[in-house]
Protein backbone atom coordinates (compact mmCIF):
# COMPACT_ATOMS: atom_id res chain seq x y z
CA MET A 1 -24.32 -0.44 -3.72
CA GLU A 2 -22.17 1.42 -5.54
CA LEU A 3 -17.96 2.85 -4.66
CA ALA A 4 -19.89 5.81 -3.42
CA LEU A 5 -16.44 7.94 -2.94
CA ASP A 6 -17.91 11.41 -4.30
CA GLY A 7 -16.30 13.99 -1.80
CA SER A 8 -14.43 11.76 0.04
CA VAL A 9 -10.82 12.81 1.49
CA VAL A 10 -8.49 10.06 0.60
CA LEU A 11 -4.86 10.04 2.08
CA VAL A 12 -2.09 8.16 0.12
CA THR A 13 1.44 8.07 1.28
CA GLY A 14 3.91 7.81 -1.81
CA GLY A 15 1.11 8.37 -4.36
CA GLY A 16 3.03 10.02 -6.63
CA ARG A 17 4.86 7.70 -9.00
CA GLY A 18 4.37 3.33 -9.72
CA VAL A 19 1.89 1.60 -7.77
CA GLY A 20 0.94 5.21 -5.42
CA LEU A 21 0.34 7.03 -8.90
CA GLY A 22 -2.17 4.25 -9.77
CA ILE A 23 -3.87 4.01 -6.44
CA THR A 24 -4.31 8.16 -6.64
CA ARG A 25 -5.67 7.85 -10.27
CA ALA A 26 -8.19 4.81 -9.07
CA PHE A 27 -9.50 6.75 -6.27
CA GLN A 28 -9.80 10.00 -8.31
CA SER A 29 -11.67 8.08 -10.84
CA ALA A 30 -14.14 7.44 -8.10
CA GLY A 31 -14.75 10.97 -7.18
CA ALA A 32 -12.75 11.05 -4.37
CA THR A 33 -10.12 13.98 -3.31
CA VAL A 34 -7.00 12.89 -2.97
CA VAL A 35 -3.94 14.38 -1.01
CA ILE A 36 -0.48 12.63 -1.83
CA CYS A 37 2.99 13.05 0.64
CA GLY A 38 5.97 12.00 -0.23
CA ARG A 39 9.70 13.71 0.22
CA THR A 40 9.64 14.54 -3.03
CA GLU A 41 6.90 16.62 -5.01
CA PRO A 42 6.45 14.83 -8.44
CA ALA A 43 7.47 16.65 -11.47
CA GLU A 44 4.29 16.72 -12.98
CA PRO A 45 0.96 17.86 -10.91
CA VAL A 46 -1.12 14.72 -9.47
CA ALA A 47 -3.08 15.54 -6.81
CA ASP A 48 -2.76 18.31 -3.62
CA PHE A 49 0.72 17.30 -2.60
CA ILE A 50 2.30 17.97 1.28
CA ALA A 51 5.85 17.46 1.83
CA CYS A 52 6.33 14.50 4.52
CA ASP A 53 8.53 11.50 5.12
CA ILE A 54 6.59 9.07 6.90
CA ARG A 55 9.74 8.01 9.07
CA ASP A 56 9.16 11.30 11.19
CA VAL A 57 6.62 11.42 13.62
CA THR A 58 6.68 14.99 13.55
CA GLN A 59 6.06 15.82 9.81
CA ILE A 60 3.07 13.04 10.53
CA ASP A 61 1.41 15.13 13.11
CA ALA A 62 1.84 18.22 10.85
CA MET A 63 0.52 16.53 7.42
CA VAL A 64 -2.31 15.05 8.74
CA THR A 65 -3.32 18.36 10.42
CA GLN A 66 -2.65 20.02 7.40
CA VAL A 67 -5.26 17.48 5.57
CA VAL A 68 -7.76 18.01 8.10
CA GLU A 69 -7.37 21.90 7.95
CA ARG A 70 -7.73 22.11 4.64
CA TYR A 71 -10.55 19.58 3.86
CA GLY A 72 -12.34 19.03 7.11
CA ARG A 73 -12.15 15.53 7.30
CA LEU A 74 -9.77 12.34 6.16
CA ASP A 75 -12.03 9.38 5.14
CA VAL A 76 -9.40 6.79 3.79
CA LEU A 77 -5.83 6.02 4.46
CA VAL A 78 -3.57 3.99 1.87
CA ASN A 79 -0.62 2.96 3.52
CA ASN A 80 1.47 2.73 0.05
CA ALA A 81 4.95 4.26 0.69
CA GLY A 82 7.97 1.48 1.46
CA GLY A 83 9.94 -0.92 -0.65
CA ALA A 84 13.52 -1.77 -0.16
CA PRO A 85 16.38 -2.99 -3.00
CA VAL A 86 17.77 -6.85 -3.10
CA VAL A 87 20.73 -7.33 -1.07
CA GLU A 88 22.58 -10.42 0.01
CA THR A 89 21.50 -10.63 3.77
CA ALA A 90 25.01 -11.69 5.28
CA SER A 91 26.67 -8.50 4.08
CA ALA A 92 23.70 -5.91 4.99
CA SER A 93 24.32 -3.56 7.64
CA PRO A 94 22.11 -3.41 10.96
CA ARG A 95 21.14 -0.13 9.96
CA PHE A 96 19.75 -1.26 6.59
CA HIS A 97 17.35 -3.60 8.66
CA GLU A 98 16.53 -0.93 10.59
CA ALA A 99 15.66 1.07 8.48
CA VAL A 100 13.57 -1.04 5.53
CA ILE A 101 11.58 -2.08 8.61
CA ARG A 102 11.07 1.48 10.05
CA LEU A 103 10.04 2.88 6.45
CA ASN A 104 7.36 -0.90 5.64
CA LEU A 105 6.10 -1.45 9.17
CA VAL A 106 7.04 1.34 11.70
CA ALA A 107 5.71 4.03 9.76
CA PRO A 108 2.23 2.90 8.25
CA LEU A 109 1.47 1.83 11.62
CA LEU A 110 2.59 5.62 12.78
CA VAL A 111 1.02 6.89 10.12
CA SER A 112 -2.67 4.71 11.13
CA GLN A 113 -2.50 5.75 14.43
CA ARG A 114 -2.57 9.52 13.56
CA VAL A 115 -5.10 9.06 11.01
CA ASN A 116 -7.05 6.52 13.28
CA ALA A 117 -7.48 9.92 16.18
CA VAL A 118 -9.25 11.75 13.24
CA MET A 119 -11.44 8.84 11.92
CA GLN A 120 -12.67 8.25 15.43
CA GLU A 121 -14.08 11.59 15.56
CA GLN A 122 -16.00 11.25 12.50
CA ASP A 123 -19.70 9.93 12.68
CA THR A 124 -18.53 7.86 9.07
CA GLY A 125 -15.31 6.61 10.71
CA GLY A 126 -13.23 5.49 7.76
CA SER A 127 -10.81 2.68 6.24
CA ILE A 128 -7.73 1.97 6.10
CA VAL A 129 -5.73 0.30 3.32
CA MET A 130 -2.51 -1.29 3.97
CA ILE A 131 -0.40 -1.80 0.54
CA SER A 132 1.42 -5.08 1.35
CA SER A 133 3.40 -7.65 -0.83
CA ILE A 134 3.14 -11.69 -1.32
CA ASN A 135 6.65 -11.56 0.64
CA GLY A 136 4.68 -11.47 3.37
CA SER A 137 3.31 -14.55 3.08
CA ARG A 138 6.03 -16.72 1.43
CA PRO A 139 10.27 -16.47 1.59
CA ALA A 140 11.52 -13.51 0.59
CA PRO A 141 15.77 -14.14 0.19
CA GLU A 142 17.61 -10.95 -0.43
CA SER A 143 14.44 -9.05 1.00
CA VAL A 144 14.52 -10.87 4.65
CA ALA A 145 13.63 -7.46 6.09
CA TYR A 146 11.01 -6.57 3.62
CA GLY A 147 9.28 -9.52 3.68
CA ALA A 148 9.19 -9.65 7.56
CA ALA A 149 7.84 -6.23 7.62
CA LYS A 150 5.31 -6.57 5.41
CA ALA A 151 4.10 -10.18 7.57
CA GLY A 152 4.22 -7.49 9.97
CA VAL A 153 1.90 -5.00 7.86
CA ASN A 154 -0.51 -8.20 7.69
CA ASN A 155 -1.07 -8.90 10.96
CA LEU A 156 -1.00 -5.25 11.60
CA ALA A 157 -4.67 -4.42 9.71
CA ALA A 158 -5.78 -7.60 11.47
CA SER A 159 -4.99 -6.29 14.88
CA LEU A 160 -5.79 -2.96 14.27
CA ALA A 161 -9.14 -3.78 12.34
CA ALA A 162 -10.21 -5.82 15.57
CA GLU A 163 -8.92 -2.51 17.99
CA TRP A 164 -10.34 0.12 15.87
CA ALA A 165 -13.96 -1.81 15.02
CA PRO A 166 -16.34 -0.40 14.22
CA LYS A 167 -15.30 2.88 13.41
CA VAL A 168 -12.68 2.17 11.63
CA ARG A 169 -11.90 -1.03 8.95
CA VAL A 170 -8.76 -1.82 8.10
CA ASN A 171 -7.59 -4.03 5.46
CA SER A 172 -4.36 -4.99 3.38
CA LEU A 173 -3.58 -6.15 -0.13
CA GLY A 174 -1.31 -8.75 -0.61
CA VAL A 175 0.28 -7.51 -3.75
CA GLY A 176 2.60 -9.58 -6.10
CA MET A 177 4.85 -7.81 -9.09
CA VAL A 178 3.29 -4.54 -10.62
CA ARG A 179 4.47 -3.38 -14.10
CA THR A 180 6.23 -0.05 -13.21
CA ASP A 181 9.53 2.38 -14.15
CA ILE A 182 11.18 0.19 -11.23
CA THR A 183 10.62 -3.38 -11.96
CA GLU A 184 11.31 -2.86 -15.49
CA GLU A 185 14.39 -2.14 -14.73
CA ALA A 186 15.44 -4.26 -12.24
CA PHE A 187 13.72 -7.33 -13.42
CA ALA A 188 14.47 -6.68 -17.15
CA PRO A 189 17.06 -9.35 -17.82
CA ILE A 190 14.44 -12.25 -16.11
CA MET A 191 10.95 -10.40 -16.97
CA ASP A 192 9.81 -13.08 -19.60
CA GLU A 193 10.70 -15.40 -16.97
CA ALA A 194 9.01 -13.90 -14.29
CA THR A 195 5.64 -12.85 -16.31
CA ALA A 196 5.58 -16.83 -17.33
CA ALA A 197 5.82 -17.63 -13.66
CA VAL A 198 1.98 -15.84 -12.84
CA PRO A 199 -0.74 -18.28 -13.95
CA LEU A 200 -2.68 -14.76 -16.00
CA GLY A 201 0.13 -14.64 -17.79
CA ARG A 202 1.15 -11.05 -16.81
CA LEU A 203 2.19 -8.42 -14.43
CA ALA A 204 -0.42 -6.63 -12.49
CA GLU A 205 -0.78 -2.61 -13.90
CA PRO A 206 -0.82 -0.20 -11.11
CA SER A 207 -4.17 0.55 -11.51
CA GLU A 208 -5.25 -2.58 -11.10
CA VAL A 209 -3.92 -2.49 -7.50
CA GLY A 210 -5.64 0.79 -7.47
CA ALA A 211 -8.79 -0.94 -7.88
CA CYS A 212 -8.75 -3.24 -5.58
CA ALA A 213 -7.70 -0.28 -2.76
CA VAL A 214 -10.99 1.53 -4.02
CA PHE A 215 -13.03 -1.47 -3.48
CA LEU A 216 -12.04 -2.10 -0.33
CA ALA A 217 -12.40 1.68 1.16
CA SER A 218 -15.60 1.69 -0.49
CA PRO A 219 -19.03 0.60 1.29
CA LEU A 220 -18.97 -1.98 -1.37
CA ALA A 221 -16.41 -3.59 1.40
CA SER A 222 -18.19 -2.38 4.50
CA TYR A 223 -18.28 -6.12 5.88
CA VAL A 224 -14.48 -6.67 5.15
CA THR A 225 -12.26 -5.70 7.68
CA GLY A 226 -8.96 -7.78 9.12
CA ALA A 227 -8.63 -9.15 5.68
CA THR A 228 -5.66 -9.74 3.06
CA LEU A 229 -6.82 -9.45 -0.14
CA LEU A 230 -4.22 -11.72 -2.80
CA VAL A 231 -3.53 -9.00 -5.54
CA HIS A 232 -1.04 -11.45 -7.47
CA GLY A 233 -2.57 -13.11 -10.63
CA GLY A 234 -2.95 -16.48 -9.06
CA GLY A 235 0.73 -16.41 -7.53
CA GLU A 236 4.06 -17.10 -8.88
CA LEU A 237 3.99 -20.40 -9.56
CA PRO A 238 7.46 -22.82 -8.57
CA VAL A 239 10.19 -23.42 -10.48
CA TYR A 240 9.59 -26.89 -10.73
CA PHE A 241 5.64 -26.32 -12.31
CA ASN A 242 5.85 -26.40 -16.12
CA ARG A 243 2.78 -24.85 -17.24
CA GLU A 244 3.12 -26.99 -20.94
CA THR A 245 2.74 -30.34 -19.09
CA PRO A 246 -0.36 -32.09 -19.04
């Protein structure tokens, strides 16, 4: 059995930069036609682009309609867009918390809902991949709304997988730190410590997250649904763990 994604149409939210760009390129390398969306078009052409703020239901509907009109089908959705700055929870505003949860949890639900309506009508169904985080399964101080949203994303994948089977498979990737421009800038002062805390001794590359997304969307994972695949290099070791100690 092979990846067999030639001719597939894939929608990647936030697919023009960082982890999203790695996912876009991975699907393109597997032979798929990729459509990306975002609020701002990338400066360099990456893939077919549709402007869309995924927090706006009207824009989501218009985007899905455009994809189907252009290509006649939609085989894979990767809910990648998300993120949040690190803040002190006690001082963050209610509006901030609500915005983080809307972007990281509500938006993937709404996009998935609209895409599922298309996939259910296709003979071949479809596959949805959520890009979640290890912060969804561990404490996330100063990122509490983000961590809670990502925990919700993992449950969302499992719940939708049960509800939308057998036509549509839904899975999640629990991703650790990935080497991107944003990560390099935000964690520059502690990058050596962060890297040393990962058993594999390095951060993930965007292409490696992309490869896992391709796997979950492909026939190789035809019996995998409702799962969260951890992509974290073995996880970040606790601070009391000394790798040099026998």
